[in-house]
Amino acid sequence: MQITIREALPNELDAAGELTAAAYADDALAEPAYLPRLRDAAARHAADGTWQLVAVDAGGTVVGAAVYTVAGSEYADIARGAEAELRMLATAKTARGRGVGEALVRHCLDRAGAEHRDALVLSTKPQMAAAQRLYTRLGFQRIPERDWEYAPGKALLTFRMPVTAGTAVGPAD
């Protein structure tokens, strides 16, 4: 699948938000009360230090989305110091298993390196096994000392990958 990863254009923000909310709702990964926040890509993109990214196929359809943010921004949950954070990674059902999620993660790693960030961090739910396999394959390490709960009894696992300027992640499969 040929895709382009970039910051969302204004006319793609609704599609990015809907795709993100649908992916989390369809897989029962988000509580209903959180879905409006997942849908609001425009607010994320307008926030200082936060960018809504999209994966767009050759026909111009948004088939994936992710949020790239930096420590200190409104949307950063765990990034600190000179770290960047990946949030709300989502792939359209029709594009799953075709490298879209990996391309979005690699883009964030490359961007973090270009910005001279120390690392890219992310959180994932324990049941997101496929995502965890991807992160581990790309070189992310678990950092259990930074695991956290977004609500009582609702755990998130934390992963981190150091980055350096000009260092590319291994070749795509």
Foldseek 3Di string as FASTA:
>chain_A
DDKDKDFDDPVCLQVQLVQLLCQCVVVVNDDPVCSVVSRRSVVQCPWPFKTKMFIAHPVGHTFWIKMKGAPPTPPDDQHDDQEIEIDSTGGHPVCPPPCRSVVNVQVNLQVSQQVFGFKYKYKAFPPPVVVVVSCVVQPWDWDQVRWDAPDVPGIITMTIDTHHHPDGTDDDD
